[in-house]
Protein backbone atom coordinates (compact mmCIF):
# COMPACT_ATOMS: atom_id res chain seq x y z
CA MET A 1 58.08 194.42 173.26
CA LYS A 2 60.60 191.90 174.59
CA LYS A 3 63.40 194.41 173.94
CA LEU A 4 61.48 197.13 175.81
CA PHE A 5 60.93 194.80 178.79
CA THR A 6 64.65 194.01 178.88
CA LEU A 7 65.55 197.72 178.87
CA LEU A 8 63.05 198.51 181.63
CA THR A 9 64.37 195.63 183.75
CA ALA A 10 67.95 196.83 183.34
CA ALA A 11 66.96 200.39 184.23
CA ALA A 12 65.17 199.18 187.34
CA ALA A 13 68.22 197.17 188.39
CA ILE A 14 70.46 200.23 187.98
CA SER A 15 68.00 202.33 189.96
CA LEU A 16 67.90 199.81 192.80
CA ALA A 17 71.68 199.56 192.85
CA GLY A 18 71.90 203.34 193.05
CA CYS A 19 69.46 203.39 195.94
CA SER A 20 71.48 200.70 197.69
CA ASP A 21 74.70 202.73 197.34
CA ASP A 22 73.03 205.89 198.62
CA SER A 23 71.54 203.98 201.52
CA ALA A 24 74.90 202.49 202.47
CA LYS A 25 76.55 205.90 202.29
CA SER A 26 73.85 207.46 204.44
CA ASP A 27 74.44 204.79 207.07
CA THR A 28 78.02 205.99 207.67
CA ILE A 29 78.66 208.45 210.48
CA LYS A 30 80.32 211.69 209.43
CA ILE A 31 83.14 212.75 211.76
CA VAL A 32 84.68 216.22 211.48
CA ALA A 33 88.22 216.07 212.92
CA ALA A 34 90.28 219.25 213.29
CA HIS A 35 93.63 220.58 214.48
CA ASN A 36 95.13 224.06 214.39
CA GLN A 37 98.25 223.46 212.28
CA THR A 38 98.05 224.70 208.67
CA ASN A 39 101.19 222.74 207.73
CA LEU A 40 99.86 219.78 205.73
CA SER A 41 102.99 217.73 206.45
CA SER A 42 102.75 218.14 210.24
CA PRO A 43 102.56 215.05 212.48
CA TYR A 44 99.08 216.23 213.51
CA GLN A 45 97.93 215.93 209.91
CA THR A 46 99.65 212.56 209.52
CA GLY A 47 97.71 211.28 212.52
CA MET A 48 94.39 212.71 211.37
CA LEU A 49 94.78 211.24 207.88
CA LYS A 50 95.52 207.82 209.38
CA LEU A 51 92.38 208.19 211.50
CA LYS A 52 90.41 208.90 208.33
CA GLU A 53 92.01 206.01 206.43
CA VAL A 54 91.27 203.39 209.08
CA ALA A 55 87.85 204.71 210.09
CA ASP A 56 86.63 205.10 206.50
CA LYS A 57 87.93 201.65 205.61
CA SER A 58 85.61 200.13 208.21
CA GLY A 59 82.66 201.32 206.14
CA LEU A 60 81.09 202.79 209.26
CA PHE A 61 82.52 206.30 209.16
CA ASN A 62 83.22 209.18 206.82
CA VAL A 63 85.95 211.33 208.40
CA GLU A 64 86.51 214.90 207.22
CA VAL A 65 89.91 216.33 208.26
CA HIS A 66 90.50 220.06 208.77
CA ALA A 67 94.07 221.40 209.11
CA GLY A 68 93.56 224.89 210.50
CA THR A 69 90.61 225.47 208.17
CA ILE A 70 87.94 225.74 210.85
CA GLY A 71 90.16 227.41 213.44
CA THR A 72 93.84 227.99 214.25
CA ASN A 73 92.98 228.97 217.81
CA GLU A 74 92.28 226.24 220.37
CA ASN A 75 89.41 228.25 221.84
CA GLU A 76 87.72 228.20 218.44
CA LEU A 77 88.23 224.47 218.04
CA VAL A 78 86.80 223.55 221.42
CA GLU A 79 83.87 225.92 220.94
CA LYS A 80 83.10 224.15 217.68
CA LEU A 81 83.50 220.79 219.42
CA VAL A 82 80.95 221.71 222.09
CA LEU A 83 78.48 223.33 219.67
CA GLY A 84 78.71 220.58 217.03
CA GLY A 85 80.85 222.23 214.36
CA ALA A 86 83.54 219.60 214.98
CA ASP A 87 83.45 216.11 216.45
CA MET A 88 87.14 215.67 217.31
CA VAL A 89 89.82 218.29 218.04
CA LEU A 90 93.43 218.36 219.22
CA VAL A 91 94.35 220.76 222.06
CA SER A 92 97.14 221.49 224.53
CA PRO A 93 97.15 221.14 228.34
CA GLY A 94 97.42 224.93 228.56
CA PHE A 95 94.02 225.36 226.98
CA MET A 96 92.48 222.81 229.30
CA THR A 97 93.81 224.54 232.41
CA SER A 98 92.61 227.94 231.18
CA SER A 99 89.14 226.43 230.90
CA GLY A 100 89.20 225.53 234.59
CA ILE A 101 90.54 221.97 234.55
CA GLU A 102 93.65 222.73 236.60
CA GLU A 103 94.75 219.11 237.04
CA VAL A 104 95.77 218.97 233.37
CA ASP A 105 98.61 221.40 234.16
CA LEU A 106 100.34 218.27 235.38
CA PHE A 107 101.46 217.74 231.78
CA SER A 108 102.87 221.29 231.62
CA LEU A 109 105.38 220.67 234.43
CA LEU A 110 108.89 220.92 233.02
CA TYR A 111 111.28 217.98 233.30
CA LEU A 112 108.39 215.73 234.29
CA PHE A 113 109.43 213.01 231.82
CA ASN A 114 112.80 211.36 231.24
CA ASP A 115 112.26 210.37 227.61
CA TYR A 116 109.53 209.37 225.16
CA SER A 117 109.30 205.86 226.55
CA HIS A 118 108.60 207.26 230.01
CA TRP A 119 106.04 209.71 228.58
CA GLU A 120 104.20 206.97 226.68
CA LYS A 121 103.99 204.68 229.72
CA VAL A 122 102.48 207.51 231.78
CA VAL A 123 99.91 208.86 229.33
CA ASP A 124 98.89 205.38 228.12
CA GLY A 125 98.65 204.05 231.68
CA LYS A 126 96.69 204.75 234.84
CA VAL A 127 97.74 208.40 235.13
CA GLY A 128 96.53 209.13 231.62
CA LYS A 129 93.23 207.39 232.33
CA ASP A 130 92.74 209.26 235.60
CA ILE A 131 93.38 212.64 233.95
CA ALA A 132 90.97 211.68 231.15
CA ASP A 133 88.31 210.91 233.75
CA ILE A 134 88.86 214.31 235.37
CA ILE A 135 88.53 216.06 232.01
CA TYR A 136 85.31 214.20 231.24
CA THR A 137 83.79 215.13 234.60
CA LYS A 138 85.00 218.75 234.77
CA SER A 139 83.94 219.46 231.19
CA GLY A 140 80.40 218.76 232.30
CA GLU A 141 80.61 215.49 230.34
CA LYS A 142 80.75 217.51 227.11
CA TYR A 143 83.85 215.78 225.75
CA ARG A 144 86.29 213.00 226.57
CA VAL A 145 89.94 212.19 225.82
CA ALA A 146 90.24 209.73 222.94
CA ALA A 147 94.06 209.62 223.02
CA TYR A 148 97.24 211.50 223.89
CA TRP A 149 99.39 212.84 221.06
CA THR A 150 102.70 214.73 221.20
CA ALA A 151 104.23 217.93 219.82
CA GLY A 152 107.81 216.81 220.50
CA VAL A 153 110.50 217.56 223.06
CA ARG A 154 111.20 221.25 223.51
CA HIS A 155 114.64 222.88 223.62
CA TRP A 156 115.96 226.40 224.22
CA TYR A 157 117.23 228.27 221.15
CA GLY A 158 118.62 231.80 221.31
CA LYS A 159 121.38 234.34 220.79
CA GLN A 160 123.90 232.36 222.88
CA PRO A 161 124.36 228.78 224.06
CA VAL A 162 122.99 227.73 227.44
CA ASN A 163 125.06 225.62 229.81
CA SER A 164 124.07 227.07 233.19
CA PHE A 165 121.54 229.33 234.88
CA ALA A 166 123.93 232.23 234.38
CA ASP A 167 123.50 231.90 230.60
CA VAL A 168 119.74 232.55 230.76
CA LYS A 169 119.81 235.38 233.33
CA GLY A 170 118.01 238.43 231.92
CA MET A 171 117.30 236.70 228.60
CA LYS A 172 113.86 237.48 227.17
CA ILE A 173 112.41 234.13 226.10
CA ARG A 174 109.25 233.70 224.09
CA THR A 175 107.21 231.25 226.15
CA GLN A 176 104.10 231.07 228.32
CA THR A 177 103.83 234.11 230.57
CA SER A 178 101.74 232.48 233.29
CA GLY A 179 101.47 229.13 235.04
CA VAL A 180 104.14 226.59 235.92
CA VAL A 181 106.11 227.06 232.69
CA SER A 182 106.50 230.79 233.28
CA GLN A 183 107.33 230.17 236.94
CA TYR A 184 110.20 227.86 235.99
CA TRP A 185 111.87 230.29 233.59
CA LYS A 186 111.50 233.16 236.03
CA GLU A 187 113.07 231.16 238.84
CA ILE A 188 116.19 230.40 236.80
CA GLY A 189 116.54 234.06 235.78
CA ALA A 190 114.94 234.34 232.32
CA VAL A 191 112.20 236.80 231.36
CA PRO A 192 109.09 235.09 229.87
CA THR A 193 107.73 237.21 227.02
CA SER A 194 104.56 236.86 224.98
CA VAL A 195 104.93 236.83 221.18
CA ALA A 196 102.48 235.34 218.67
CA TRP A 197 103.90 232.29 216.91
CA ALA A 198 103.43 233.91 213.48
CA GLU A 199 105.43 236.94 214.64
CA LEU A 200 108.28 235.08 216.31
CA TYR A 201 110.68 235.04 213.35
CA GLN A 202 110.58 238.83 213.23
CA ALA A 203 110.81 239.10 217.02
CA LEU A 204 113.98 236.98 217.04
CA SER A 205 115.43 238.97 214.14
CA SER A 206 114.79 242.36 215.72
CA ASN A 207 115.80 241.62 219.35
CA VAL A 208 112.26 241.77 220.68
CA VAL A 209 113.18 238.46 222.31
CA ASP A 210 116.59 236.88 222.89
CA ALA A 211 115.41 233.29 222.71
CA ALA A 212 112.49 230.91 222.36
CA GLU A 213 111.76 227.26 223.10
CA ASN A 214 110.13 224.59 221.00
CA ALA A 215 110.65 221.24 219.30
CA TYR A 216 112.77 220.80 216.17
CA PRO A 217 109.81 219.90 213.89
CA TYR A 218 108.14 223.20 214.73
CA PHE A 219 110.82 225.90 214.88
CA ILE A 220 113.09 224.64 212.10
CA PRO A 221 110.41 224.78 209.34
CA MET A 222 109.76 228.38 210.49
CA GLU A 223 113.52 229.07 210.02
CA HIS A 224 113.93 230.54 213.50
CA HIS A 225 117.41 229.00 213.56
CA LYS A 226 118.43 231.29 210.72
CA THR A 227 117.88 234.42 212.80
CA SER A 228 120.62 236.08 214.85
CA ASN A 229 118.75 235.25 218.07
CA GLY A 230 117.93 231.68 217.16
CA LYS A 231 121.13 230.10 215.87
CA TYR A 232 122.31 228.57 219.18
CA ILE A 233 120.22 225.51 220.02
CA SER A 234 120.76 224.16 223.52
CA GLU A 235 119.22 220.73 224.02
CA THR A 236 117.59 221.44 227.35
CA GLY A 237 114.93 218.78 226.67
CA HIS A 238 112.74 220.43 229.27
CA ASP A 239 109.31 219.42 227.99
CA TYR A 240 108.04 216.20 226.42
CA THR A 241 104.82 217.77 225.26
CA THR A 242 101.36 216.30 225.53
CA ARG A 243 98.39 217.04 223.28
CA LEU A 244 94.87 215.80 223.92
CA LEU A 245 92.69 214.34 221.18
CA LEU A 246 89.14 215.10 222.30
CA VAL A 247 85.86 213.66 221.02
CA ARG A 248 82.46 215.17 221.75
CA ASN A 249 80.72 212.93 224.23
CA SER A 250 77.36 212.98 222.46
CA VAL A 251 79.08 211.57 219.36
CA TRP A 252 80.78 208.82 221.37
CA GLU A 253 77.55 207.86 223.11
CA SER A 254 75.74 207.59 219.78
CA PHE A 255 78.02 204.73 218.65
CA ASN A 256 76.88 201.13 218.89
CA ASP A 257 79.35 198.40 219.92
CA GLU A 258 80.55 197.75 216.37
CA GLN A 259 81.13 201.45 215.73
CA ARG A 260 82.99 201.92 219.01
CA THR A 261 85.31 199.02 218.21
CA ALA A 262 86.07 200.43 214.76
CA PHE A 263 86.48 203.96 216.11
CA ASN A 264 88.87 202.83 218.86
CA GLN A 265 90.97 200.94 216.32
CA ALA A 266 91.18 204.03 214.11
CA VAL A 267 92.22 206.19 217.07
CA LYS A 268 94.84 203.62 218.12
CA GLU A 269 96.44 203.50 214.66
CA ALA A 270 96.22 207.28 214.26
CA THR A 271 97.95 207.81 217.59
CA LYS A 272 100.78 205.49 216.61
CA ALA A 273 101.15 207.25 213.25
CA GLU A 274 101.23 210.74 214.82
CA ARG A 275 103.83 209.81 217.40
CA GLN A 276 106.09 208.00 214.94
CA ALA A 277 105.91 210.89 212.47
CA LEU A 278 107.02 213.29 215.18
CA TYR A 279 109.82 211.05 216.46
CA SER A 280 111.30 210.59 213.00
CA GLU A 281 111.04 214.28 212.15
CA GLU A 282 113.06 215.33 215.19
CA SER A 283 116.30 213.83 213.91
CA THR A 284 115.58 215.03 210.36
CA TYR A 285 115.05 218.64 211.40
CA LYS A 286 117.97 218.62 213.82
CA GLN A 287 120.25 217.63 210.96
CA LYS A 288 118.73 220.33 208.76
CA ALA A 289 119.46 222.91 211.46
CA ILE A 290 123.10 221.82 211.60
CA ASP A 291 123.37 221.80 207.80
CA ASP A 292 121.98 225.36 207.77
CA GLY A 293 124.67 226.56 210.16
CA ALA A 294 122.92 226.41 213.51
CA ILE A 295 125.10 225.46 216.48
CA VAL A 296 123.75 222.68 218.70
CA ASN A 297 125.10 222.00 222.17
CA THR A 298 124.28 219.46 224.85
CA LEU A 299 124.48 220.39 228.51
CA ASP A 300 124.40 218.93 231.98
CA ARG A 301 120.68 219.07 232.73
CA THR A 302 121.06 218.06 236.39
CA PRO A 303 120.70 221.54 237.97
CA PHE A 304 117.81 222.35 235.60
CA ILE A 305 116.04 219.13 236.58
CA GLU A 306 116.58 219.74 240.30
CA LYS A 307 115.04 223.22 240.05
CA ALA A 308 112.07 221.75 238.22
CA ARG A 309 111.47 219.13 240.90
CA SER A 310 110.86 221.76 243.57
CA ILE A 311 108.27 223.46 241.35
CA GLN A 312 106.67 220.08 240.63
CA ASP A 313 106.41 219.37 244.36
CA GLN A 314 104.83 222.76 245.07
CA TRP A 315 102.29 222.39 242.27
CA ALA A 316 101.37 218.83 243.25
CA ALA A 317 100.85 219.74 246.92
CA LYS A 318 98.66 222.70 245.95
CA ASN A 319 96.49 220.64 243.59
CA GLY A 320 96.26 217.41 245.58
CA MET A 321 98.36 215.55 243.03
CA THR A 322 101.36 214.51 245.13
CA GLU A 323 100.54 210.81 244.82
CA VAL A 324 100.10 211.13 241.06
CA LEU A 325 103.42 212.94 240.74
CA GLU A 326 105.16 210.20 242.68
CA THR A 327 103.55 207.57 240.45
CA ILE A 328 105.00 209.31 237.41
CA ARG A 329 108.46 209.48 238.99
CA GLN A 330 108.35 205.80 239.86
CA THR A 331 107.17 204.71 236.40
CA LYS A 332 109.99 202.96 234.56
């Protein structure tokens, strides 16, 4: 009888412990975080995994990361964000402007930033906060900016080196075919051409396009530099890219003070991890390109920058952003 009582007591203790574990697990908030890159070594994934690590460690969250598995198209990701299929997504300024938030095209202006330090000071400062407020309001308060991430600094790569406007005249470049990016390339003589990213290697190989533009960590893994129309890399450095990490507002508003503090810390550490991963990969992939036989040249960017400034001024005047543009230029 005594032995039976002991066994029943032990069983009850195990049962209670199990209930306690289940209860604790059910108290965590599940966060579905997604980006559109299927490359599991991409800086996006590095950032998302750091978000999961720090958030889960707090004991308040259970983050589920999706690398292109719930959508490789930004439209899909944001639709899922709004409808509840995702709680956090990473998108480009181009998507935001196509959805009617034209002020975000500020970050698409070429030669807007001098270097990464300048970019960080702008997006992490007042300008970044003001744009985030605009996004929150113009989205109908559906989502808000949690942080700004990067996709690197973009360069021209093509069938010949670029040192002047004359070198791009008549060249078909795979890039955006509308907006301020397209306007810039047209004004210096290039021909913006639409090609799906997955089809670009073939397009470069078969003369569908003469050139493209992107950051080392993106076009080198795709081996674009090994094509006949991709071997000359000209470090134009025309775009220090911005990506927006969005969180659904209803999720944010559901957090209590403790959860918000833990969430903000996770976002902060994830942002640092994503940026540092990208920065370190740029030099690694540049060296790989050179080792593979690509030819890299630097150029005098002055005339390219001057042309960009006139487009920046036009866009800012049209969108009531002249003061913001000047703030960016004065940021040191």
